[in-house]
């Protein structure tokens, strides 16, 4: 599993943009495949409004896991 985490310099807060899941047959092609939808998320809507922001990266990951479990 890979979390795509963001850090806002202006507020010193963290967010998780998305999570990518890999399995035992993971290859470099898979990693390249996940880059495209991640970039699309960044371009589609500003992360400032799309994401929930937290004071620590741990809190951001915990909330993301709760939201998507």
N, C-alpha and C. Protein backbone atom coordinates (compact mmCIF):
# COMPACT_ATOMS: atom_id res chain seq x y z
N UNK A 1 0.85 -1.16 0.00
CA UNK A 1 0.00 0.00 0.00
C UNK A 1 0.90 1.24 0.00
N UNK A 2 0.46 2.23 -0.73
CA UNK A 2 1.21 3.48 -0.84
C UNK A 2 0.24 4.64 -0.61
N UNK A 3 0.55 5.48 0.36
CA UNK A 3 -0.23 6.69 0.60
C UNK A 3 0.41 7.84 -0.16
N UNK A 4 -0.40 8.61 -0.87
CA UNK A 4 0.08 9.83 -1.52
C UNK A 4 -0.29 10.96 -0.57
N UNK A 5 0.72 11.46 0.14
CA UNK A 5 0.51 12.46 1.18
C UNK A 5 0.98 13.83 0.70
N UNK A 6 0.30 14.84 1.18
CA UNK A 6 0.61 16.22 0.82
C UNK A 6 0.91 17.01 2.09
N UNK A 7 1.72 18.04 1.93
CA UNK A 7 2.04 18.94 3.04
C UNK A 7 1.85 20.37 2.56
N UNK A 8 1.07 21.13 3.30
CA UNK A 8 0.84 22.54 2.95
C UNK A 8 1.84 23.40 3.71
N UNK A 9 2.68 24.09 2.98
CA UNK A 9 3.68 24.94 3.61
C UNK A 9 3.04 26.11 4.35
N UNK A 10 1.93 26.64 3.81
CA UNK A 10 1.32 27.82 4.43
C UNK A 10 0.64 27.52 5.77
N UNK A 11 0.11 26.31 5.94
CA UNK A 11 -0.59 25.97 7.18
C UNK A 11 0.14 24.92 8.01
N UNK A 12 1.19 24.34 7.43
CA UNK A 12 1.95 23.27 8.07
C UNK A 12 1.04 22.09 8.45
N UNK A 13 0.16 21.73 7.51
CA UNK A 13 -0.75 20.62 7.72
C UNK A 13 -0.56 19.55 6.65
N UNK A 14 -1.05 18.35 6.97
CA UNK A 14 -0.89 17.18 6.11
C UNK A 14 -2.25 16.66 5.64
N UNK A 15 -2.23 16.01 4.48
CA UNK A 15 -3.43 15.36 3.96
C UNK A 15 -3.01 14.13 3.15
N UNK A 16 -3.95 13.22 2.99
CA UNK A 16 -3.74 12.07 2.11
C UNK A 16 -4.60 12.30 0.87
N UNK A 17 -3.97 12.37 -0.26
CA UNK A 17 -4.69 12.55 -1.52
C UNK A 17 -5.37 11.26 -1.96
N UNK A 18 -4.63 10.16 -1.89
CA UNK A 18 -5.18 8.86 -2.28
C UNK A 18 -4.26 7.76 -1.77
N UNK A 19 -4.73 6.54 -1.94
CA UNK A 19 -3.95 5.36 -1.56
C UNK A 19 -3.90 4.42 -2.76
N UNK A 20 -2.74 3.90 -3.04
CA UNK A 20 -2.56 2.93 -4.11
C UNK A 20 -2.24 1.58 -3.50
N UNK A 21 -2.90 0.55 -4.00
CA UNK A 21 -2.72 -0.79 -3.46
C UNK A 21 -1.94 -1.65 -4.45
N UNK A 22 -0.96 -2.35 -3.95
CA UNK A 22 -0.13 -3.23 -4.76
C UNK A 22 -0.27 -4.65 -4.21
N UNK A 23 -0.02 -5.62 -5.06
CA UNK A 23 -0.04 -7.01 -4.59
C UNK A 23 1.31 -7.66 -4.87
N UNK A 24 1.39 -8.95 -4.65
CA UNK A 24 2.67 -9.65 -4.77
C UNK A 24 3.20 -9.69 -6.20
N UNK A 25 2.37 -9.39 -7.18
CA UNK A 25 2.84 -9.40 -8.57
C UNK A 25 3.18 -7.98 -9.05
N UNK A 26 3.38 -7.07 -8.12
CA UNK A 26 3.71 -5.68 -8.42
C UNK A 26 4.90 -5.58 -9.36
N UNK A 27 4.80 -4.63 -10.29
CA UNK A 27 5.91 -4.38 -11.21
C UNK A 27 6.09 -2.86 -11.35
N UNK A 28 7.15 -2.46 -11.98
CA UNK A 28 7.38 -1.04 -12.23
C UNK A 28 6.28 -0.45 -13.10
N UNK A 29 5.72 -1.25 -13.98
CA UNK A 29 4.62 -0.79 -14.82
C UNK A 29 3.40 -0.42 -13.97
N UNK A 30 3.16 -1.19 -12.91
CA UNK A 30 2.05 -0.89 -12.02
C UNK A 30 2.25 0.46 -11.34
N UNK A 31 3.45 0.71 -10.89
CA UNK A 31 3.75 1.98 -10.24
C UNK A 31 3.54 3.14 -11.22
N UNK A 32 3.97 2.99 -12.43
CA UNK A 32 3.78 4.02 -13.45
C UNK A 32 2.29 4.22 -13.74
N UNK A 33 1.52 3.12 -13.74
CA UNK A 33 0.09 3.20 -13.99
C UNK A 33 -0.60 4.08 -12.94
N UNK A 34 -0.21 3.94 -11.67
CA UNK A 34 -0.85 4.69 -10.59
C UNK A 34 -0.50 6.18 -10.61
N UNK A 35 0.57 6.55 -11.27
CA UNK A 35 0.95 7.96 -11.33
C UNK A 35 -0.09 8.79 -12.09
N UNK A 36 -0.65 8.22 -13.16
CA UNK A 36 -1.60 8.97 -13.99
C UNK A 36 -2.86 9.38 -13.20
N UNK A 37 -3.57 8.44 -12.53
CA UNK A 37 -4.75 8.88 -11.79
C UNK A 37 -4.42 9.81 -10.62
N UNK A 38 -3.23 9.67 -10.06
CA UNK A 38 -2.82 10.57 -8.98
C UNK A 38 -2.67 11.99 -9.51
N UNK A 39 -2.04 12.14 -10.64
CA UNK A 39 -1.88 13.46 -11.25
C UNK A 39 -3.23 14.02 -11.67
N UNK A 40 -4.11 13.15 -12.18
CA UNK A 40 -5.45 13.60 -12.55
C UNK A 40 -6.21 14.15 -11.35
N UNK A 41 -6.07 13.49 -10.19
CA UNK A 41 -6.70 14.00 -8.97
C UNK A 41 -6.18 15.39 -8.61
N UNK A 42 -4.88 15.58 -8.76
CA UNK A 42 -4.29 16.88 -8.44
C UNK A 42 -4.79 17.98 -9.38
N UNK A 43 -5.00 17.63 -10.64
CA UNK A 43 -5.42 18.62 -11.62
C UNK A 43 -6.93 18.85 -11.62
N UNK A 44 -7.69 17.85 -11.24
CA UNK A 44 -9.15 17.89 -11.28
C UNK A 44 -9.72 18.92 -10.32
N UNK A 45 -9.21 18.94 -9.11
CA UNK A 45 -9.69 19.85 -8.08
C UNK A 45 -8.53 20.16 -7.15
N UNK A 46 -8.44 21.38 -6.72
CA UNK A 46 -7.35 21.78 -5.84
C UNK A 46 -7.33 20.92 -4.58
N UNK A 47 -6.16 20.40 -4.21
CA UNK A 47 -6.06 19.64 -2.97
C UNK A 47 -6.46 20.46 -1.74
N UNK A 48 -6.35 21.78 -1.84
CA UNK A 48 -6.74 22.62 -0.70
C UNK A 48 -8.20 22.41 -0.34
N UNK A 49 -9.04 22.21 -1.34
CA UNK A 49 -10.46 22.00 -1.06
C UNK A 49 -10.85 20.52 -1.09
N UNK A 50 -10.14 19.70 -1.85
CA UNK A 50 -10.47 18.28 -1.97
C UNK A 50 -10.14 17.51 -0.69
N UNK A 51 -9.06 17.86 -0.05
CA UNK A 51 -8.53 17.05 1.05
C UNK A 51 -8.95 17.59 2.41
N UNK A 52 -8.92 16.68 3.39
CA UNK A 52 -9.05 17.06 4.79
C UNK A 52 -7.62 17.22 5.32
N UNK A 53 -7.39 18.29 6.05
CA UNK A 53 -6.04 18.62 6.50
C UNK A 53 -5.90 18.44 8.00
N UNK A 54 -4.72 17.95 8.43
CA UNK A 54 -4.48 17.61 9.83
C UNK A 54 -3.09 18.09 10.27
N UNK A 55 -2.94 18.17 11.59
CA UNK A 55 -1.68 18.68 12.15
C UNK A 55 -0.53 17.69 12.06
N UNK A 56 -0.85 16.42 11.83
CA UNK A 56 0.22 15.42 11.68
C UNK A 56 -0.10 14.48 10.54
N UNK A 57 0.93 13.90 9.99
CA UNK A 57 0.74 12.95 8.89
C UNK A 57 0.02 11.69 9.41
N UNK A 58 0.31 11.31 10.64
CA UNK A 58 -0.35 10.15 11.23
C UNK A 58 -1.86 10.36 11.33
N UNK A 59 -2.29 11.54 11.77
CA UNK A 59 -3.72 11.84 11.86
C UNK A 59 -4.37 11.84 10.48
N UNK A 60 -3.67 12.36 9.50
CA UNK A 60 -4.20 12.38 8.14
C UNK A 60 -4.41 10.96 7.62
N UNK A 61 -3.45 10.09 7.86
CA UNK A 61 -3.55 8.70 7.41
C UNK A 61 -4.66 7.97 8.16
N UNK A 62 -4.73 8.18 9.47
CA UNK A 62 -5.77 7.51 10.25
C UNK A 62 -7.17 7.92 9.77
N UNK A 63 -7.37 9.20 9.52
CA UNK A 63 -8.68 9.67 9.06
C UNK A 63 -9.00 9.14 7.65
N UNK A 64 -7.99 9.14 6.79
CA UNK A 64 -8.19 8.60 5.44
C UNK A 64 -8.61 7.13 5.52
N UNK A 65 -7.95 6.36 6.38
CA UNK A 65 -8.30 4.94 6.54
C UNK A 65 -9.73 4.79 7.05
N UNK A 66 -10.14 5.64 7.98
CA UNK A 66 -11.51 5.59 8.50
C UNK A 66 -12.52 5.95 7.41
N UNK A 67 -12.22 6.97 6.64
CA UNK A 67 -13.13 7.44 5.58
C UNK A 67 -13.32 6.40 4.48
N UNK A 68 -12.30 5.61 4.21
CA UNK A 68 -12.36 4.68 3.08
C UNK A 68 -12.32 3.21 3.49
N UNK A 69 -12.71 2.93 4.72
CA UNK A 69 -12.75 1.51 5.14
C UNK A 69 -14.16 0.98 5.13
